[in-house]
């Protein structure tokens, strides 16, 4: 569960962003979605992550998304993504989050180019000046910058990060991170390694599929982190055909489609994202319908 001191713990949903038919942001539906997630057991939300399509939002839209989430569920439950090409811009987004009432932010390394270690350190040092706790986001697949355990330990030792969303897919890193920086909170960053990282000591999950199936996802997380493998493993097997989409290029489209099938507002994405291929849509639809038929929600 979240705490006042470490609000990034627990199940924080990287929220999908509902759009209108003209591709404008539907803030009312977004507010309702944030509130619904918390009502269904999630501990908080992460607006303006990749799942929230932050890269294709205007600055005005991006700021309003954060303000909408805070108004819906309270700032302690909101950890916005503050990624940007420039360190100064990321710091400004962290300051905007602070002014909106958020309790923490999530930050990718520099991603305009393949930054070296010195640039990574300078980037996190700059954003930390905003005064909010920073959770690093390690996504070497998309950013081409790998926050390896030794680098994470340095960032934490300097006081610039308090946690890491780990999306490398290499679950072995959990143990090295714990050895080098035992006070650094490990957060599950990819849905399809949830069980493995939970067993390894993860303190939270920045999650995708709770957008469609929050109750079952939270049940899985609580069982896995609580050591109840009799509950967690069968549930993980049931959900894994969906969870693995979180690590694929089409994860936004897939999760939004599952939301639609589950009776939520998923809808379309902004370009350059394009609709799923027919065979992809069929696979997501079949897996979602199977999960719903099994009583998962």
Protein backbone atom coordinates (compact mmCIF):
# COMPACT_ATOMS: atom_id res chain seq x y z
CA UNK A 1 0.00 0.00 0.00
CA UNK A 2 1.06 3.58 -0.45
CA UNK A 3 2.44 5.51 2.49
CA UNK A 4 2.87 9.20 3.15
CA UNK A 5 6.63 8.78 3.01
CA UNK A 6 6.82 6.54 -0.07
CA UNK A 7 3.73 7.30 -2.19
CA UNK A 8 5.14 5.42 -5.18
CA UNK A 9 4.63 2.08 -3.45
CA UNK A 10 1.75 -0.22 -4.37
CA UNK A 11 -0.11 -0.46 -7.66
CA UNK A 12 0.23 2.78 -9.60
CA UNK A 13 -1.52 2.65 -12.95
CA UNK A 14 0.15 4.23 -15.95
CA UNK A 15 -3.11 5.65 -17.17
CA UNK A 16 -4.33 5.43 -20.73
CA UNK A 17 -5.73 8.74 -21.96
CA UNK A 18 -9.30 8.84 -23.35
CA UNK A 19 -9.67 10.83 -26.54
CA UNK A 20 -12.72 12.21 -28.30
CA UNK A 21 -13.56 11.35 -31.90
CA UNK A 22 -11.60 14.42 -33.03
CA UNK A 23 -8.59 13.17 -30.99
CA UNK A 24 -8.92 15.94 -28.38
CA UNK A 25 -8.47 14.87 -24.76
CA UNK A 26 -11.63 13.93 -22.88
CA UNK A 27 -10.73 15.25 -19.43
CA UNK A 28 -14.05 14.30 -17.86
CA UNK A 29 -13.61 10.66 -18.84
CA UNK A 30 -10.01 10.79 -17.68
CA UNK A 31 -11.03 12.08 -14.25
CA UNK A 32 -13.66 9.36 -14.00
CA UNK A 33 -11.14 6.72 -15.02
CA UNK A 34 -8.61 7.80 -12.37
CA UNK A 35 -11.27 7.72 -9.68
CA UNK A 36 -12.55 4.31 -10.89
CA UNK A 37 -9.06 2.82 -10.68
CA UNK A 38 -8.63 3.93 -7.07
CA UNK A 39 -12.14 2.76 -6.20
CA UNK A 40 -11.18 -0.66 -7.56
CA UNK A 41 -8.15 -1.04 -5.32
CA UNK A 42 -5.31 0.68 -7.16
CA UNK A 43 -3.08 2.88 -5.02
CA UNK A 44 -2.56 5.70 -7.49
CA UNK A 45 -2.05 6.81 -11.05
CA UNK A 46 0.84 7.79 -13.30
CA UNK A 47 -0.31 10.33 -15.90
CA UNK A 48 1.86 11.35 -18.84
CA UNK A 49 3.70 8.09 -19.22
CA UNK A 50 4.14 6.42 -22.59
CA UNK A 51 0.79 4.71 -22.11
CA UNK A 52 -0.71 8.18 -21.67
CA UNK A 53 0.74 9.26 -25.04
CA UNK A 54 2.57 12.20 -23.45
CA UNK A 55 4.86 12.59 -26.45
CA UNK A 56 1.96 13.77 -28.64
CA UNK A 57 0.32 16.13 -26.15
CA UNK A 58 0.66 19.89 -26.24
CA UNK A 59 2.18 21.51 -23.13
CA UNK A 60 -1.27 22.79 -22.18
CA UNK A 61 -2.80 19.33 -22.49
CA UNK A 62 0.01 17.71 -20.57
CA UNK A 63 -0.37 20.12 -17.66
CA UNK A 64 -4.14 19.74 -17.58
CA UNK A 65 -3.86 15.95 -17.52
CA UNK A 66 -1.86 16.20 -14.28
CA UNK A 67 -4.25 18.71 -12.77
CA UNK A 68 -7.21 16.52 -13.72
CA UNK A 69 -5.70 13.46 -12.05
CA UNK A 70 -4.94 15.40 -8.86
CA UNK A 71 -8.47 16.78 -8.72
CA UNK A 72 -9.86 13.26 -9.19
CA UNK A 73 -7.81 11.28 -6.65
CA UNK A 74 -5.62 13.70 -4.68
CA UNK A 75 -2.01 14.63 -5.24
CA UNK A 76 -0.52 11.94 -2.99
CA UNK A 77 -1.89 9.34 -5.40
CA UNK A 78 -0.46 10.98 -8.55
CA UNK A 79 3.09 10.43 -9.85
CA UNK A 80 3.36 12.13 -13.25
CA UNK A 81 5.89 11.23 -15.86
CA UNK A 82 8.14 14.25 -16.43
CA UNK A 83 10.23 12.97 -19.33
CA UNK A 84 11.40 15.50 -21.91
CA UNK A 85 14.24 15.95 -24.35
CA UNK A 86 15.88 18.65 -22.25
CA UNK A 87 16.77 18.55 -18.56
CA UNK A 88 15.43 22.07 -18.05
CA UNK A 89 12.09 21.02 -19.53
CA UNK A 90 11.91 17.92 -17.35
CA UNK A 91 12.64 20.08 -14.33
CA UNK A 92 9.82 22.44 -15.32
CA UNK A 93 7.42 19.49 -15.56
CA UNK A 94 8.55 18.36 -12.11
CA UNK A 95 7.89 21.86 -10.80
CA UNK A 96 4.46 21.82 -12.44
CA UNK A 97 3.74 18.51 -10.70
CA UNK A 98 4.84 19.98 -7.39
CA UNK A 99 2.64 23.03 -7.83
CA UNK A 100 -0.31 20.81 -8.78
CA UNK A 101 0.10 18.97 -5.46
CA UNK A 102 1.78 15.74 -6.56
CA UNK A 103 3.99 13.86 -4.10
CA UNK A 104 6.51 12.34 -6.54
CA UNK A 105 7.46 12.17 -10.22
CA UNK A 106 8.77 9.55 -12.63
CA UNK A 107 11.72 10.39 -14.89
CA UNK A 108 13.30 8.71 -17.89
CA UNK A 109 16.97 9.35 -18.59
CA UNK A 110 17.80 11.80 -21.39
CA UNK A 111 16.24 10.33 -24.52
CA UNK A 112 17.05 12.74 -27.33
CA UNK A 113 20.22 10.72 -27.93
CA UNK A 114 22.15 7.88 -26.30
CA UNK A 115 23.39 9.77 -23.27
CA UNK A 116 26.55 8.75 -21.44
CA UNK A 117 26.80 8.33 -17.69
CA UNK A 118 27.82 11.91 -16.99
CA UNK A 119 24.81 13.23 -18.90
CA UNK A 120 22.49 10.87 -17.05
CA UNK A 121 23.81 11.99 -13.68
CA UNK A 122 23.49 15.66 -14.61
CA UNK A 123 19.94 15.11 -15.88
CA UNK A 124 18.69 13.55 -12.65
CA UNK A 125 20.55 16.10 -10.54
CA UNK A 126 18.81 18.91 -12.40
CA UNK A 127 15.30 17.48 -12.07
CA UNK A 128 15.82 16.65 -8.39
CA UNK A 129 16.20 20.40 -7.80
CA UNK A 130 12.43 20.71 -8.22
CA UNK A 131 12.17 19.24 -4.73
CA UNK A 132 9.95 16.23 -5.34
CA UNK A 133 11.10 12.63 -4.87
CA UNK A 134 12.08 11.14 -8.23
CA UNK A 135 11.44 7.58 -9.36
CA UNK A 136 13.77 6.72 -12.24
CA UNK A 137 12.35 4.89 -15.21
CA UNK A 138 14.74 2.44 -16.82
CA UNK A 139 13.59 1.63 -20.35
CA UNK A 140 16.73 0.81 -22.34
CA UNK A 141 14.63 -0.71 -25.12
CA UNK A 142 13.12 2.63 -26.13
CA UNK A 143 15.63 5.16 -24.81
CA UNK A 144 18.85 3.28 -25.65
CA UNK A 145 20.12 4.42 -22.24
CA UNK A 146 20.47 1.66 -19.67
CA UNK A 147 20.26 2.54 -15.98
CA UNK A 148 22.31 -0.42 -14.82
CA UNK A 149 22.34 -1.28 -11.10
CA UNK A 150 25.68 0.44 -10.51
CA UNK A 151 24.39 3.68 -12.06
CA UNK A 152 21.14 3.47 -10.11
CA UNK A 153 23.15 3.06 -6.91
CA UNK A 154 25.10 6.21 -7.72
CA UNK A 155 21.91 8.17 -8.46
CA UNK A 156 20.38 6.98 -5.20
CA UNK A 157 23.53 7.62 -3.21
CA UNK A 158 23.49 11.23 -4.39
CA UNK A 159 19.89 11.56 -3.23
CA UNK A 160 18.55 12.17 -6.74
CA UNK A 161 16.23 9.13 -6.98
CA UNK A 162 14.21 7.16 -4.44
CA UNK A 163 12.93 4.35 -6.61
CA UNK A 164 13.21 2.82 -10.07
CA UNK A 165 10.62 1.53 -12.48
CA UNK A 166 12.55 -1.38 -14.00
CA UNK A 167 11.56 -2.17 -17.59
CA UNK A 168 14.70 -3.91 -18.86
CA UNK A 169 13.02 -7.31 -18.56
CA UNK A 170 16.10 -8.69 -16.81
CA UNK A 171 14.69 -9.84 -13.49
CA UNK A 172 18.17 -10.78 -12.27
CA UNK A 173 18.88 -7.10 -11.75
CA UNK A 174 16.54 -6.97 -8.76
CA UNK A 175 19.09 -8.75 -6.60
CA UNK A 176 22.03 -6.62 -7.70
CA UNK A 177 20.06 -3.43 -7.10
CA UNK A 178 19.15 -4.65 -3.61
CA UNK A 179 22.81 -5.36 -2.86
CA UNK A 180 24.12 -2.02 -4.12
CA UNK A 181 21.26 0.24 -2.97
CA UNK A 182 19.13 -1.55 -0.39
CA UNK A 183 17.01 1.55 0.31
CA UNK A 184 16.17 2.12 -3.35
CA UNK A 185 12.63 0.96 -4.02
CA UNK A 186 12.30 -1.41 -6.97
CA UNK A 187 9.05 -1.00 -8.91
CA UNK A 188 7.84 -3.52 -11.45
CA UNK A 189 8.03 -1.74 -14.80
CA UNK A 190 6.71 -4.37 -17.21
CA UNK A 191 3.48 -6.24 -16.56
CA UNK A 192 4.80 -9.58 -17.81
CA UNK A 193 7.56 -9.85 -15.19
CA UNK A 194 5.33 -8.89 -12.27
CA UNK A 195 5.52 -12.18 -10.40
CA UNK A 196 9.26 -12.57 -10.82
CA UNK A 197 10.04 -9.06 -9.54
CA UNK A 198 7.44 -9.25 -6.77
CA UNK A 199 9.11 -12.40 -5.44
CA UNK A 200 12.45 -10.57 -5.70
CA UNK A 201 11.23 -7.82 -3.39
CA UNK A 202 9.52 -5.17 -5.53
CA UNK A 203 7.75 -2.47 -3.54
CA UNK A 204 5.41 -1.30 -6.28
CA UNK A 205 4.12 -1.80 -9.80
CA UNK A 206 3.80 0.93 -12.42
CA UNK A 207 1.17 -1.01 -14.26
CA UNK A 208 -0.59 -1.07 -17.63
CA UNK A 209 -3.28 -3.73 -17.62
CA UNK A 210 -5.15 -2.52 -14.51
CA UNK A 211 -6.55 0.08 -16.91
CA UNK A 212 -8.83 -2.74 -18.08
CA UNK A 213 -8.79 -5.28 -15.21
CA UNK A 214 -7.94 -3.46 -11.97
CA UNK A 215 -9.43 -5.81 -9.38
CA UNK A 216 -7.71 -8.94 -10.68
CA UNK A 217 -4.45 -7.07 -11.24
CA UNK A 218 -4.44 -5.74 -7.68
CA UNK A 219 -5.29 -9.21 -6.34
CA UNK A 220 -2.34 -10.60 -8.28
CA UNK A 221 0.04 -7.93 -6.99
CA UNK A 222 -1.04 -8.30 -3.36
CA UNK A 223 -0.75 -12.09 -3.51
CA UNK A 224 2.63 -11.99 -5.24
CA UNK A 225 4.21 -9.45 -2.89
CA UNK A 226 2.64 -11.17 0.09
CA UNK A 227 4.18 -14.52 -0.77
CA UNK A 228 0.83 -16.19 -1.51
CA UNK A 229 1.96 -18.08 -4.58
CA UNK A 230 -0.99 -20.46 -4.40
CA UNK A 231 -3.14 -17.48 -5.38
CA UNK A 232 -0.62 -15.55 -7.45
CA UNK A 233 0.71 -18.19 -9.82
CA UNK A 234 -2.62 -19.43 -11.25
CA UNK A 235 -3.83 -15.85 -11.60
CA UNK A 236 -0.58 -14.83 -13.27
CA UNK A 237 -0.96 -17.65 -15.77
CA UNK A 238 -4.50 -16.52 -16.53
CA UNK A 239 -3.50 -12.90 -17.06
CA UNK A 240 -0.16 -13.39 -18.80
CA UNK A 241 -1.56 -13.57 -22.36
CA UNK A 242 -2.65 -9.98 -21.76
CA UNK A 243 0.19 -8.79 -19.54
CA UNK A 244 2.79 -9.60 -22.18
CA UNK A 245 1.29 -6.97 -24.48
CA UNK A 246 2.67 -4.34 -22.11
CA UNK A 247 6.16 -5.15 -23.41
CA UNK A 248 5.25 -4.89 -27.09
CA UNK A 249 5.38 -1.91 -29.42
CA UNK A 250 1.58 -1.89 -29.72
CA UNK A 251 0.95 -1.83 -25.95
CA UNK A 252 -1.12 1.37 -25.97
CA UNK A 253 -3.46 0.12 -28.68
CA UNK A 254 -3.73 -3.31 -27.04
CA UNK A 255 -4.57 -1.98 -23.58
CA UNK A 256 -7.08 0.51 -24.97
CA UNK A 257 -8.77 -2.30 -26.91
CA UNK A 258 -8.98 -4.44 -23.77
CA UNK A 259 -10.51 -1.46 -21.98
CA UNK A 260 -13.18 -1.18 -24.68
CA UNK A 261 -13.98 -4.89 -24.45
CA UNK A 262 -14.19 -4.65 -20.64
CA UNK A 263 -16.71 -1.81 -20.90
CA UNK A 264 -14.34 1.07 -20.29
CA UNK A 265 -13.43 3.95 -22.61
CA UNK A 266 -10.25 2.91 -24.38
CA UNK A 267 -10.74 4.26 -27.84
CA UNK A 268 -8.26 5.39 -30.41
CA UNK A 269 -4.72 6.74 -30.22
CA UNK A 270 -3.10 9.81 -31.68
CA UNK A 271 -0.78 9.40 -34.67
CA UNK A 272 1.80 8.19 -35.34
CA UNK A 273 0.27 5.21 -33.54
CA UNK A 274 -1.95 3.27 -35.93
CA UNK A 275 -4.65 0.64 -35.28
CA UNK A 276 -3.68 -2.92 -34.50
CA UNK A 277 -3.33 -5.34 -37.37
CA UNK A 278 -6.33 -7.70 -37.70
CA UNK A 279 -4.40 -10.64 -36.26
CA UNK A 280 -3.18 -8.51 -33.33
CA UNK A 281 -6.68 -7.28 -32.62
CA UNK A 282 -8.01 -10.83 -32.74
CA UNK A 283 -5.37 -12.01 -30.25
CA UNK A 284 -6.05 -9.18 -27.80
CA UNK A 285 -9.79 -9.62 -28.13
CA UNK A 286 -9.64 -13.38 -27.56
CA UNK A 287 -7.39 -13.05 -24.51
CA UNK A 288 -9.52 -10.28 -23.01
CA UNK A 289 -12.78 -12.11 -23.58
CA UNK A 290 -11.30 -15.28 -22.06
CA UNK A 291 -10.23 -13.36 -18.97
CA UNK A 292 -13.63 -11.74 -18.58
CA UNK A 293 -15.39 -15.06 -19.08
CA UNK A 294 -13.26 -16.50 -16.28
CA UNK A 295 -14.61 -13.82 -13.96
CA UNK A 296 -11.55 -11.57 -13.96
CA UNK A 297 -12.30 -7.87 -13.65
